[in-house]
């Protein structure tokens, strides 16, 4: 994936700060927490669904067991991807004692999962 070059003076890093991460923007604490919570809920939902589907396999008629196993595999793969997205999100921002809003770390958000 090609990186975008700065197009204006506001895109250039300020002396003493981390370079601006590609495709990430400054945000308020509320905005960061909203995305963080949605990703957390999505990850937990996928993991819980995977466990539920795989734990129900013995209680289902034999002809439907493979469908349940495959559905669990799909939600497992989705949970893995959400975990990678969540980790990329938390690494792209950091909190400091001198600001109430999260600051860009300069670590780019993983474009492969967009």
PDB file of N, CA and C in Angstrom:
ATOM      1  N   UNK A   1       0.851  -1.173   0.000  1.00  0.00           N
ATOM      2  CA  UNK A   1       0.000   0.000   0.000  1.00  0.00           C
ATOM      3  C   UNK A   1       0.891   1.229   0.000  1.00  0.00           C
ATOM      4  N   UNK A   2       0.687   2.120  -0.950  1.00  0.00           N
ATOM      5  CA  UNK A   2       1.496   3.327  -1.070  1.00  0.00           C
ATOM      6  C   UNK A   2       1.123   4.325   0.015  1.00  0.00           C
ATOM      7  N   UNK A   3       2.120   5.014   0.536  1.00  0.00           N
ATOM      8  CA  UNK A   3       1.880   6.045   1.541  1.00  0.00           C
ATOM      9  C   UNK A   3       1.635   7.374   0.851  1.00  0.00           C
ATOM     10  N   UNK A   4       0.756   8.169   1.438  1.00  0.00           N
ATOM     11  CA  UNK A   4       0.483   9.484   0.906  1.00  0.00           C
ATOM     12  C   UNK A   4       1.548  10.454   1.400  1.00  0.00           C
ATOM     13  N   UNK A   5       2.006  11.317   0.527  1.00  0.00           N
ATOM     14  CA  UNK A   5       2.941  12.365   0.908  1.00  0.00           C
ATOM     15  C   UNK A   5       2.162  13.529   1.492  1.00  0.00           C
ATOM     16  N   UNK A   6       2.779  14.301   2.402  1.00  0.00           N
ATOM     17  CA  UNK A   6       2.079  15.474   2.931  1.00  0.00           C
ATOM     18  C   UNK A   6       1.661  16.404   1.791  1.00  0.00           C
ATOM     19  N   UNK A   7       0.457  16.920   1.872  1.00  0.00           N
ATOM     20  CA  UNK A   7      -0.044  17.789   0.819  1.00  0.00           C
ATOM     21  C   UNK A   7      -0.142  19.242   1.256  1.00  0.00           C
ATOM     22  N   UNK A   8      -0.034  19.504   2.532  1.00  0.00           N
ATOM     23  CA  UNK A   8      -0.077  20.874   3.018  1.00  0.00           C
ATOM     24  C   UNK A   8       0.811  20.996   4.249  1.00  0.00           C
ATOM     25  N   UNK A   9       1.048  22.199   4.675  1.00  0.00           N
ATOM     26  CA  UNK A   9       1.895  22.438   5.846  1.00  0.00           C
ATOM     27  C   UNK A   9       1.301  21.804   7.098  1.00  0.00           C
ATOM     28  N   UNK A  10      -0.035  21.709   7.186  1.00  0.00           N
ATOM     29  CA  UNK A  10      -0.659  21.119   8.372  1.00  0.00           C
ATOM     30  C   UNK A  10      -0.427  19.617   8.454  1.00  0.00           C
ATOM     31  N   UNK A  11      -0.048  18.978   7.342  1.00  0.00           N
ATOM     32  CA  UNK A  11       0.219  17.548   7.342  1.00  0.00           C
ATOM     33  C   UNK A  11       1.641  17.227   7.791  1.00  0.00           C
ATOM     34  N   UNK A  12       2.508  18.233   7.837  1.00  0.00           N
ATOM     35  CA  UNK A  12       3.889  18.001   8.233  1.00  0.00           C
ATOM     36  C   UNK A  12       3.985  17.891   9.745  1.00  0.00           C
ATOM     37  N   UNK A  13       4.887  17.045  10.246  1.00  0.00           N
ATOM     38  CA  UNK A  13       5.017  16.916  11.694  1.00  0.00           C
ATOM     39  C   UNK A  13       5.557  18.194  12.315  1.00  0.00           C
ATOM     40  N   UNK A  14       5.105  18.489  13.513  1.00  0.00           N
ATOM     41  CA  UNK A  14       5.592  19.634  14.270  1.00  0.00           C
ATOM     42  C   UNK A  14       6.877  19.202  14.964  1.00  0.00           C
ATOM     43  N   UNK A  15       7.854  20.091  15.038  1.00  0.00           N
ATOM     44  CA  UNK A  15       9.135  19.749  15.661  1.00  0.00           C
ATOM     45  C   UNK A  15       8.902  19.209  17.065  1.00  0.00           C
ATOM     46  N   UNK A  16       9.524  18.074  17.370  1.00  0.00           N
ATOM     47  CA  UNK A  16       9.409  17.469  18.688  1.00  0.00           C
ATOM     48  C   UNK A  16       8.205  16.567  18.865  1.00  0.00           C
ATOM     49  N   UNK A  17       7.405  16.360  17.812  1.00  0.00           N
ATOM     50  CA  UNK A  17       6.244  15.477  17.909  1.00  0.00           C
ATOM     51  C   UNK A  17       6.409  14.321  16.939  1.00  0.00           C
ATOM     52  N   UNK A  18       5.604  13.304  17.152  1.00  0.00           N
ATOM     53  CA  UNK A  18       5.627  12.151  16.254  1.00  0.00           C
ATOM     54  C   UNK A  18       5.030  12.555  14.914  1.00  0.00           C
ATOM     55  N   UNK A  19       5.511  11.973  13.795  1.00  0.00           N
ATOM     56  CA  UNK A  19       4.914  12.290  12.499  1.00  0.00           C
ATOM     57  C   UNK A  19       3.456  11.865  12.463  1.00  0.00           C
ATOM     58  N   UNK A  20       2.680  12.580  11.692  1.00  0.00           N
ATOM     59  CA  UNK A  20       1.255  12.285  11.601  1.00  0.00           C
ATOM     60  C   UNK A  20       1.035  10.940  10.929  1.00  0.00           C
ATOM     61  N   UNK A  21       0.255  10.078  11.559  1.00  0.00           N
ATOM     62  CA  UNK A  21      -0.005   8.750  11.018  1.00  0.00           C
ATOM     63  C   UNK A  21      -0.879   8.859   9.775  1.00  0.00           C
ATOM     64  N   UNK A  22      -0.628   7.984   8.830  1.00  0.00           N
ATOM     65  CA  UNK A  22      -1.400   7.978   7.590  1.00  0.00           C
ATOM     66  C   UNK A  22      -2.856   7.658   7.883  1.00  0.00           C
ATOM     67  N   UNK A  23      -3.736   8.479   7.342  1.00  0.00           N
ATOM     68  CA  UNK A  23      -5.183   8.265   7.407  1.00  0.00           C
ATOM     69  C   UNK A  23      -5.767   8.327   8.818  1.00  0.00           C
ATOM     70  N   UNK A  24      -5.032   8.846   9.785  1.00  0.00           N
ATOM     71  CA  UNK A  24      -5.573   9.011  11.133  1.00  0.00           C
ATOM     72  C   UNK A  24      -5.667  10.491  11.437  1.00  0.00           C
ATOM     73  N   UNK A  25      -6.629  10.837  12.251  1.00  0.00           N
ATOM     74  CA  UNK A  25      -6.887  12.228  12.533  1.00  0.00           C
ATOM     75  C   UNK A  25      -6.962  12.444  14.037  1.00  0.00           C
ATOM     76  N   UNK A  26      -6.613  13.636  14.486  1.00  0.00           N
ATOM     77  CA  UNK A  26      -6.795  13.934  15.909  1.00  0.00           C
ATOM     78  C   UNK A  26      -8.267  13.757  16.278  1.00  0.00           C
ATOM     79  N   UNK A  27      -8.529  13.289  17.479  1.00  0.00           N
ATOM     80  CA  UNK A  27      -9.910  13.088  17.903  1.00  0.00           C
ATOM     81  C   UNK A  27     -10.057  13.355  19.387  1.00  0.00           C
ATOM     82  N   UNK A  28     -11.286  13.513  19.789  1.00  0.00           N
ATOM     83  CA  UNK A  28     -11.564  13.756  21.198  1.00  0.00           C
ATOM     84  C   UNK A  28     -11.549  12.430  21.950  1.00  0.00           C
ATOM     85  N   UNK A  29     -11.524  12.545  23.274  1.00  0.00           N
ATOM     86  CA  UNK A  29     -11.568  11.341  24.107  1.00  0.00           C
ATOM     87  C   UNK A  29     -12.844  10.553  23.845  1.00  0.00           C
ATOM     88  N   UNK A  30     -13.964  11.237  23.711  1.00  0.00           N
ATOM     89  CA  UNK A  30     -15.241  10.562  23.457  1.00  0.00           C
ATOM     90  C   UNK A  30     -15.254   9.801  22.147  1.00  0.00           C
ATOM     91  N   UNK A  31     -14.685  10.390  21.104  1.00  0.00           N
ATOM     92  CA  UNK A  31     -14.613   9.711  19.809  1.00  0.00           C
ATOM     93  C   UNK A  31     -13.733   8.465  19.898  1.00  0.00           C
ATOM     94  N   UNK A  32     -12.572   8.599  20.545  1.00  0.00           N
ATOM     95  CA  UNK A  32     -11.677   7.452  20.695  1.00  0.00           C
ATOM     96  C   UNK A  32     -12.358   6.339  21.481  1.00  0.00           C
ATOM     97  N   UNK A  33     -13.002   6.700  22.586  1.00  0.00           N
ATOM     98  CA  UNK A  33     -13.656   5.697  23.431  1.00  0.00           C
ATOM     99  C   UNK A  33     -14.812   5.010  22.706  1.00  0.00           C
ATOM    100  N   UNK A  34     -15.535   5.754  21.858  1.00  0.00           N
ATOM    101  CA  UNK A  34     -16.627   5.147  21.092  1.00  0.00           C
ATOM    102  C   UNK A  34     -16.095   4.050  20.166  1.00  0.00           C
ATOM    103  N   UNK A  35     -15.042   4.358  19.411  1.00  0.00           N
ATOM    104  CA  UNK A  35     -14.457   3.362  18.507  1.00  0.00           C
ATOM    105  C   UNK A  35     -13.887   2.199  19.319  1.00  0.00           C
ATOM    106  N   UNK A  36     -13.198   2.504  20.412  1.00  0.00           N
ATOM    107  CA  UNK A  36     -12.610   1.479  21.277  1.00  0.00           C
ATOM    108  C   UNK A  36     -13.688   0.529  21.797  1.00  0.00           C
ATOM    109  N   UNK A  37     -14.796   1.091  22.275  1.00  0.00           N
ATOM    110  CA  UNK A  37     -15.867   0.262  22.828  1.00  0.00           C
ATOM    111  C   UNK A  37     -16.577  -0.570  21.765  1.00  0.00           C
ATOM    112  N   UNK A  38     -16.784  -0.007  20.580  1.00  0.00           N
ATOM    113  CA  UNK A  38     -17.422  -0.768  19.492  1.00  0.00           C
ATOM    114  C   UNK A  38     -16.525  -1.937  19.078  1.00  0.00           C
ATOM    115  N   UNK A  39     -15.221  -1.673  18.959  1.00  0.00           N
ATOM    116  CA  UNK A  39     -14.299  -2.758  18.606  1.00  0.00           C
ATOM    117  C   UNK A  39     -14.252  -3.824  19.703  1.00  0.00           C
ATOM    118  N   UNK A  40     -14.262  -3.396  20.966  1.00  0.00           N
ATOM    119  CA  UNK A  40     -14.261  -4.350  22.076  1.00  0.00           C
ATOM    120  C   UNK A  40     -15.516  -5.220  22.062  1.00  0.00           C
ATOM    121  N   UNK A  41     -16.667  -4.597  21.879  1.00  0.00           N
ATOM    122  CA  UNK A  41     -17.927  -5.339  21.844  1.00  0.00           C
ATOM    123  C   UNK A  41     -17.957  -6.304  20.661  1.00  0.00           C
ATOM    124  N   UNK A  42     -17.485  -5.845  19.512  1.00  0.00           N
ATOM    125  CA  UNK A  42     -17.462  -6.714  18.324  1.00  0.00           C
ATOM    126  C   UNK A  42     -16.558  -7.917  18.545  1.00  0.00           C
ATOM    127  N   UNK A  43     -15.390  -7.683  19.118  1.00  0.00           N
ATOM    128  CA  UNK A  43     -14.458  -8.774  19.388  1.00  0.00           C
ATOM    129  C   UNK A  43     -15.056  -9.767  20.380  1.00  0.00           C
ATOM    130  N   UNK A  44     -15.632  -9.272  21.456  1.00  0.00           N
ATOM    131  CA  UNK A  44     -16.240 -10.157  22.460  1.00  0.00           C
ATOM    132  C   UNK A  44     -17.410 -10.941  21.862  1.00  0.00           C
ATOM    133  N   UNK A  45     -18.204 -10.300  21.012  1.00  0.00           N
ATOM    134  CA  UNK A  45     -19.343 -10.981  20.386  1.00  0.00           C
ATOM    135  C   UNK A  45     -18.890 -12.110  19.474  1.00  0.00           C
ATOM    136  N   UNK A  46     -17.845 -11.851  18.694  1.00  0.00           N
ATOM    137  CA  UNK A  46     -17.331 -12.895  17.790  1.00  0.00           C
ATOM    138  C   UNK A  46     -16.760 -14.074  18.579  1.00  0.00           C
ATOM    139  N   UNK A  47     -16.018 -13.771  19.646  1.00  0.00           N
ATOM    140  CA  UNK A  47     -15.435 -14.859  20.446  1.00  0.00           C
ATOM    141  C   UNK A  47     -16.528 -15.668  21.144  1.00  0.00           C
ATOM    142  N   UNK A  48     -17.537 -14.979  21.694  1.00  0.00           N
ATOM    143  CA  UNK A  48     -18.632 -15.678  22.373  1.00  0.00           C
ATOM    144  C   UNK A  48     -19.433 -16.529  21.387  1.00  0.00           C
ATOM    145  N   UNK A  49     -19.660 -16.019  20.200  1.00  0.00           N
ATOM    146  CA  UNK A  49     -20.389 -16.780  19.186  1.00  0.00           C
ATOM    147  C   UNK A  49     -19.617 -18.022  18.781  1.00  0.00           C
ATOM    148  N   UNK A  50     -18.306 -17.873  18.614  1.00  0.00           N
ATOM    149  CA  UNK A  50     -17.470 -19.034  18.269  1.00  0.00           C
ATOM    150  C   UNK A  50     -17.592 -20.116  19.340  1.00  0.00           C
ATOM    151  N   UNK A  51     -17.433 -19.723  20.586  1.00  0.00           N
ATOM    152  CA  UNK A  51     -17.542 -20.711  21.678  1.00  0.00           C
ATOM    153  C   UNK A  51     -18.925 -21.353  21.717  1.00  0.00           C
ATOM    154  N   UNK A  52     -19.964 -20.544  21.583  1.00  0.00           N
ATOM    155  CA  UNK A  52     -21.317 -21.077  21.618  1.00  0.00           C
ATOM    156  C   UNK A  52     -21.540 -22.097  20.503  1.00  0.00           C
ATOM    157  N   UNK A  53     -21.133 -21.739  19.287  1.00  0.00           N
ATOM    158  CA  UNK A  53     -21.348 -22.650  18.157  1.00  0.00           C
ATOM    159  C   UNK A  53     -20.600 -23.963  18.342  1.00  0.00           C
ATOM    160  N   UNK A  54     -19.336 -23.884  18.742  1.00  0.00           N
ATOM    161  CA  UNK A  54     -18.553 -25.114  18.898  1.00  0.00           C
ATOM    162  C   UNK A  54     -19.023 -25.951  20.085  1.00  0.00           C
ATOM    163  N   UNK A  55     -19.510 -25.304  21.137  1.00  0.00           N
ATOM    164  CA  UNK A  55     -19.980 -26.072  22.294  1.00  0.00           C
ATOM    165  C   UNK A  55     -21.330 -26.752  22.024  1.00  0.00           C
ATOM    166  N   UNK A  56     -22.082 -26.257  21.067  1.00  0.00           N
ATOM    167  CA  UNK A  56     -23.390 -26.839  20.740  1.00  0.00           C
ATOM    168  C   UNK A  56     -23.301 -27.980  19.732  1.00  0.00           C
ATOM    169  N   UNK A  57     -22.141 -28.209  19.141  1.00  0.00           N
ATOM    170  CA  UNK A  57     -21.991 -29.248  18.112  1.00  0.00           C
ATOM    171  C   UNK A  57     -22.489 -30.611  18.589  1.00  0.00           C
ATOM    172  N   UNK A  58     -22.114 -31.087  19.795  1.00  0.00           N
ATOM    173  CA  UNK A  58     -22.586 -32.427  20.207  1.00  0.00           C
ATOM    174  C   UNK A  58     -24.107 -32.528  20.384  1.00  0.00           C
ATOM    175  N   UNK A  59     -24.782 -31.414  20.596  1.00  0.00           N
ATOM    176  CA  UNK A  59     -26.225 -31.444  20.839  1.00  0.00           C
ATOM    177  C   UNK A  59     -27.052 -31.329  19.560  1.00  0.00           C
ATOM    178  N   UNK A  60     -26.399 -31.187  18.427  1.00  0.00           N
ATOM    179  CA  UNK A  60     -27.093 -30.988  17.154  1.00  0.00           C
ATOM    180  C   UNK A  60     -27.086 -32.296  16.358  1.00  0.00           C
ATOM    181  N   UNK A  61     -28.114 -32.496  15.544  1.00  0.00           N
ATOM    182  CA  UNK A  61     -28.186 -33.678  14.687  1.00  0.00           C
ATOM    183  C   UNK A  61     -26.929 -33.764  13.820  1.00  0.00           C
ATOM    184  N   UNK A  62     -26.483 -34.966  13.556  1.00  0.00           N
ATOM    185  CA  UNK A  62     -25.220 -35.205  12.847  1.00  0.00           C
ATOM    186  C   UNK A  62     -25.149 -34.483  11.504  1.00  0.00           C
ATOM    187  N   UNK A  63     -26.272 -34.409  10.790  1.00  0.00           N
ATOM    188  CA  UNK A  63     -26.219 -33.791   9.462  1.00  0.00           C
ATOM    189  C   UNK A  63     -25.994 -32.273   9.520  1.00  0.00           C
ATOM    190  N   UNK A  64     -26.194 -31.637  10.700  1.00  0.00           N
ATOM    191  CA  UNK A  64     -25.978 -30.195  10.841  1.00  0.00           C
ATOM    192  C   UNK A  64     -24.675 -29.848  11.560  1.00  0.00           C
ATOM    193  N   UNK A  65     -23.971 -30.839  12.058  1.00  0.00           N
ATOM    194  CA  UNK A  65     -22.761 -30.565  12.831  1.00  0.00           C
ATOM    195  C   UNK A  65     -21.669 -29.888  12.015  1.00  0.00           C
ATOM    196  N   UNK A  66     -21.473 -30.321  10.784  1.00  0.00           N
ATOM    197  CA  UNK A  66     -20.423 -29.694   9.972  1.00  0.00           C
ATOM    198  C   UNK A  66     -20.745 -28.219   9.705  1.00  0.00           C
ATOM    199  N   UNK A  67     -22.023 -27.887   9.532  1.00  0.00           N
ATOM    200  CA  UNK A  67     -22.413 -26.489   9.320  1.00  0.00           C
ATOM    201  C   UNK A  67     -22.100 -25.652  10.556  1.00  0.00           C
ATOM    202  N   UNK A  68     -22.324 -26.217  11.728  1.00  0.00           N
ATOM    203  CA  UNK A  68     -22.032 -25.510  12.970  1.00  0.00           C
ATOM    204  C   UNK A  68     -20.530 -25.324  13.158  1.00  0.00           C
ATOM    205  N   UNK A  69     -19.755 -26.333  12.819  1.00  0.00           N
ATOM    206  CA  UNK A  69     -18.297 -26.236  12.919  1.00  0.00           C
ATOM    207  C   UNK A  69     -17.768 -25.168  11.958  1.00  0.00           C
ATOM    208  N   UNK A  70     -18.276 -25.159  10.736  1.00  0.00           N
ATOM    209  CA  UNK A  70     -17.833 -24.164   9.755  1.00  0.00           C
ATOM    210  C   UNK A  70     -18.257 -22.762  10.181  1.00  0.00           C
ATOM    211  N   UNK A  71     -19.464 -22.616  10.701  1.00  0.00           N
ATOM    212  CA  UNK A  71     -19.911 -21.307  11.183  1.00  0.00           C
ATOM    213  C   UNK A  71     -19.022 -20.822  12.325  1.00  0.00           C
ATOM    214  N   UNK A  72     -18.644 -21.735  13.206  1.00  0.00           N
ATOM    215  CA  UNK A  72     -17.727 -21.380  14.290  1.00  0.00           C
ATOM    216  C   UNK A  72     -16.367 -20.970  13.765  1.00  0.00           C
ATOM    217  N   UNK A  73     -15.916 -21.632  12.715  1.00  0.00           N
ATOM    218  CA  UNK A  73     -14.630 -21.277  12.108  1.00  0.00           C
ATOM    219  C   UNK A  73     -14.685 -19.871  11.492  1.00  0.00           C
ATOM    220  N   UNK A  74     -15.797 -19.561  10.855  1.00  0.00           N
ATOM    221  CA  UNK A  74     -15.964 -18.231  10.264  1.00  0.00           C
ATOM    222  C   UNK A  74     -15.929 -17.156  11.352  1.00  0.00           C
ATOM    223  N   UNK A  75     -16.642 -17.366  12.453  1.00  0.00           N
ATOM    224  CA  UNK A  75     -16.635 -16.371  13.524  1.00  0.00           C
ATOM    225  C   UNK A  75     -15.285 -16.326  14.234  1.00  0.00           C
ATOM    226  N   UNK A  76     -14.562 -17.436  14.278  1.00  0.00           N
ATOM    227  CA  UNK A  76     -13.205 -17.441  14.842  1.00  0.00           C
ATOM    228  C   UNK A  76     -12.270 -16.568  13.997  1.00  0.00           C
ATOM    229  N   UNK A  77     -12.348 -16.729  12.683  1.00  0.00           N
ATOM    230  CA  UNK A  77     -11.519 -15.917  11.782  1.00  0.00           C
ATOM    231  C   UNK A  77     -11.904 -14.441  11.904  1.00  0.00           C
ATOM    232  N   UNK A  78     -13.186 -14.156  12.004  1.00  0.00           N
ATOM    233  CA  UNK A  78     -13.630 -12.768  12.185  1.00  0.00           C
ATOM    234  C   UNK A  78     -13.097 -12.209  13.503  1.00  0.00           C
ATOM    235  N   UNK A  79     -13.126 -13.008  14.564  1.00  0.00           N
ATOM    236  CA  UNK A  79     -12.596 -12.556  15.856  1.00  0.00           C
ATOM    237  C   UNK A  79     -11.105 -12.252  15.754  1.00  0.00           C
ATOM    238  N   UNK A  80     -10.381 -13.077  15.035  1.00  0.00           N
ATOM    239  CA  UNK A  80      -8.951 -12.828  14.838  1.00  0.00           C
ATOM    240  C   UNK A  80      -8.729 -11.491  14.136  1.00  0.00           C
ATOM    241  N   UNK A  81      -9.496 -11.229  13.095  1.00  0.00           N
ATOM    242  CA  UNK A  81      -9.358  -9.974  12.371  1.00  0.00           C
ATOM    243  C   UNK A  81      -9.733  -8.779  13.244  1.00  0.00           C
ATOM    244  N   UNK A  82     -10.797  -8.912  14.033  1.00  0.00           N
ATOM    245  CA  UNK A  82     -11.173  -7.830  14.937  1.00  0.00           C
ATOM    246  C   UNK A  82     -10.101  -7.603  15.997  1.00  0.00           C
ATOM    247  N   UNK A  83      -9.439  -8.655  16.437  1.00  0.00           N
ATOM    248  CA  UNK A  83      -8.346  -8.508  17.401  1.00  0.00           C
ATOM    249  C   UNK A  83      -7.203  -7.704  16.779  1.00  0.00           C
ATOM    250  N   UNK A  84      -6.870  -8.014  15.528  1.00  0.00           N
ATOM    251  CA  UNK A  84      -5.809  -7.267  14.835  1.00  0.00           C
ATOM    252  C   UNK A  84      -6.200  -5.810  14.646  1.00  0.00           C
ATOM    253  N   UNK A  85      -7.437  -5.540  14.284  1.00  0.00           N
ATOM    254  CA  UNK A  85      -7.912  -4.168  14.129  1.00  0.00           C
ATOM    255  C   UNK A  85      -7.853  -3.437  15.469  1.00  0.00           C
ATOM    256  N   UNK A  86      -8.305  -4.099  16.529  1.00  0.00           N
ATOM    257  CA  UNK A  86      -8.312  -3.504  17.866  1.00  0.00           C
ATOM    258  C   UNK A  86      -6.889  -3.160  18.308  1.00  0.00           C
ATOM    259  N   UNK A  87      -5.948  -4.079  18.115  1.00  0.00           N
ATOM    260  CA  UNK A  87      -4.562  -3.818  18.495  1.00  0.00           C
ATOM    261  C   UNK A  87      -3.970  -2.678  17.685  1.00  0.00           C
ATOM    262  N   UNK A  88      -4.268  -2.630  16.406  1.00  0.00           N
ATOM    263  CA  UNK A  88      -3.776  -1.549  15.569  1.00  0.00           C
ATOM    264  C   UNK A  88      -4.345  -0.213  16.034  1.00  0.00           C
ATOM    265  N   UNK A  89      -5.599  -0.193  16.415  1.00  0.00           N
ATOM    266  CA  UNK A  89      -6.253   1.031  16.890  1.00  0.00           C
ATOM    267  C   UNK A  89      -5.595   1.534  18.173  1.00  0.00           C
ATOM    268  N   UNK A  90      -5.385   0.644  19.120  1.00  0.00           N
ATOM    269  CA  UNK A  90      -4.812   1.078  20.395  1.00  0.00           C
ATOM    270  C   UNK A  90      -3.359   1.513  20.254  1.00  0.00           C
ATOM    271  N   UNK A  91      -2.644   0.992  19.264  1.00  0.00           N
ATOM    272  CA  UNK A  91      -1.258   1.404  19.056  1.00  0.00           C
ATOM    273  C   UNK A  91      -1.155   2.728  18.297  1.00  0.00           C
ATOM    274  N   UNK A  92      -2.204   3.149  17.618  1.00  0.00           N
ATOM    275  CA  UNK A  92      -2.164   4.359  16.815  1.00  0.00           C
ATOM    276  C   UNK A  92      -2.358   5.623  17.659  1.00  0.00           C
ATOM    277  N   UNK A  93      -2.888   5.490  18.865  1.00  0.00           N
ATOM    278  CA  UNK A  93      -3.133   6.624  19.749  1.00  0.00           C
ATOM    279  C   UNK A  93      -2.564   6.325  21.126  1.00  0.00           C
ATOM    280  N   UNK A  94      -2.234   7.385  21.862  1.00  0.00           N
ATOM    281  CA  UNK A  94      -1.778   7.223  23.249  1.00  0.00           C
ATOM    282  C   UNK A  94      -2.315   8.383  24.067  1.00  0.00           C
ATOM    283  N   UNK A  95      -2.459   8.132  25.363  1.00  0.00           N
ATOM    284  CA  UNK A  95      -2.866   9.180  26.288  1.00  0.00           C
ATOM    285  C   UNK A  95      -1.631   9.689  27.021  1.00  0.00           C
ATOM    286  N   UNK A  96      -1.603  10.997  27.231  1.00  0.00           N
ATOM    287  CA  UNK A  96      -0.519  11.609  27.986  1.00  0.00           C
ATOM    288  C   UNK A  96      -1.115  12.383  29.150  1.00  0.00           C
ATOM    289  N   UNK A  97      -0.283  12.699  30.127  1.00  0.00           N
ATOM    290  CA  UNK A  97      -0.757  13.427  31.301  1.00  0.00           C
ATOM    291  C   UNK A  97      -1.078  14.886  30.997  1.00  0.00           C
ATOM    292  N   UNK A  98      -0.502  15.438  29.943  1.00  0.00           N
ATOM    293  CA  UNK A  98      -0.713  16.856  29.651  1.00  0.00           C
ATOM    294  C   UNK A  98      -1.851  17.113  28.656  1.00  0.00           C
ATOM    295  N   UNK A  99      -2.605  16.103  28.274  1.00  0.00           N
ATOM    296  CA  UNK A  99      -3.728  16.289  27.347  1.00  0.00           C
ATOM    297  C   UNK A  99      -4.860  15.340  27.728  1.00  0.00           C
ATOM    298  N   UNK A 100      -6.094  15.806  27.591  1.00  0.00           N
ATOM    299  CA  UNK A 100      -7.235  14.938  27.904  1.00  0.00           C
ATOM    300  C   UNK A 100      -7.625  14.056  26.728  1.00  0.00           C
ATOM    301  N   UNK A 101      -7.264  14.479  25.527  1.00  0.00           N
ATOM    302  CA  UNK A 101      -7.595  13.707  24.331  1.00  0.00           C
ATOM    303  C   UNK A 101      -6.407  12.839  23.929  1.00  0.00           C
ATOM    304  N   UNK A 102      -6.663  11.722  23.264  1.00  0.00           N
ATOM    305  CA  UNK A 102      -5.550  10.873  22.830  1.00  0.00           C
ATOM    306  C   UNK A 102      -4.710  11.569  21.758  1.00  0.00           C
ATOM    307  N   UNK A 103      -3.448  11.251  21.739  1.00  0.00           N
ATOM    308  CA  UNK A 103      -2.508  11.841  20.783  1.00  0.00           C
ATOM    309  C   UNK A 103      -2.083  10.774  19.783  1.00  0.00           C
ATOM    310  N   UNK A 104      -1.836  11.187  18.548  1.00  0.00           N
ATOM    311  CA  UNK A 104      -1.336  10.258  17.527  1.00  0.00           C
ATOM    312  C   UNK A 104       0.061   9.797  17.909  1.00  0.00           C
ATOM    313  N   UNK A 105       0.328   8.513  17.772  1.00  0.00           N
ATOM    314  CA  UNK A 105       1.650   7.987  18.090  1.00  0.00           C
ATOM    315  C   UNK A 105       2.576   7.992  16.888  1.00  0.00           C
ATOM    316  N   UNK A 106       2.022   8.101  15.705  1.00  0.00           N
ATOM    317  CA  UNK A 106       2.825   7.995  14.490  1.00  0.00           C
ATOM    318  C   UNK A 106       2.831   6.577  13.941  1.00  0.00           C
ATOM    319  N   UNK A 107       2.326   5.628  14.710  1.00  0.00           N
ATOM    320  CA  UNK A 107       2.196   4.249  14.226  1.00  0.00           C
ATOM    321  C   UNK A 107       0.969   4.209  13.331  1.00  0.00           C
ATOM    322  N   UNK A 108       1.133   3.880  12.053  1.00  0.00           N
ATOM    323  CA  UNK A 108      -0.028   3.916  11.157  1.00  0.00           C
ATOM    324  C   UNK A 108      -1.037   2.819  11.488  1.00  0.00           C
ATOM    325  N   UNK A 109      -2.297   3.167  11.323  1.00  0.00           N
ATOM    326  CA  UNK A 109      -3.364   2.174  11.476  1.00  0.00           C
ATOM    327  C   UNK A 109      -3.216   1.165  10.357  1.00  0.00           C
ATOM    328  N   UNK A 110      -3.403  -0.099  10.640  1.00  0.00           N
ATOM    329  CA  UNK A 110      -3.195  -1.167   9.672  1.00  0.00           C
ATOM    330  C   UNK A 110      -4.218  -1.060   8.546  1.00  0.00           C
ATOM    331  N   UNK A 111      -3.761  -0.586   7.391  1.00  0.00           N
ATOM    332  CA  UNK A 111      -4.656  -0.398   6.241  1.00  0.00           C
ATOM    333  C   UNK A 111      -5.200  -1.712   5.682  1.00  0.00           C
ATOM    334  N   UNK A 112      -4.540  -2.812   5.948  1.00  0.00           N
ATOM    335  CA  UNK A 112      -4.964  -4.089   5.381  1.00  0.00           C
ATOM    336  C   UNK A 112      -6.325  -4.518   5.902  1.00  0.00           C
ATOM    337  N   UNK A 113      -6.748  -3.985   7.047  1.00  0.00           N
ATOM    338  CA  UNK A 113      -8.012  -4.394   7.637  1.00  0.00           C
ATOM    339  C   UNK A 113      -9.099  -3.354   7.486  1.00  0.00           C
ATOM    340  N   UNK A 114      -8.964  -2.452   6.542  1.00  0.00           N
ATOM    341  CA  UNK A 114     -10.004  -1.450   6.319  1.00  0.00           C
ATOM    342  C   UNK A 114     -10.956  -1.921   5.267  1.00  0.00           C
TER     343      UNK A 114
END
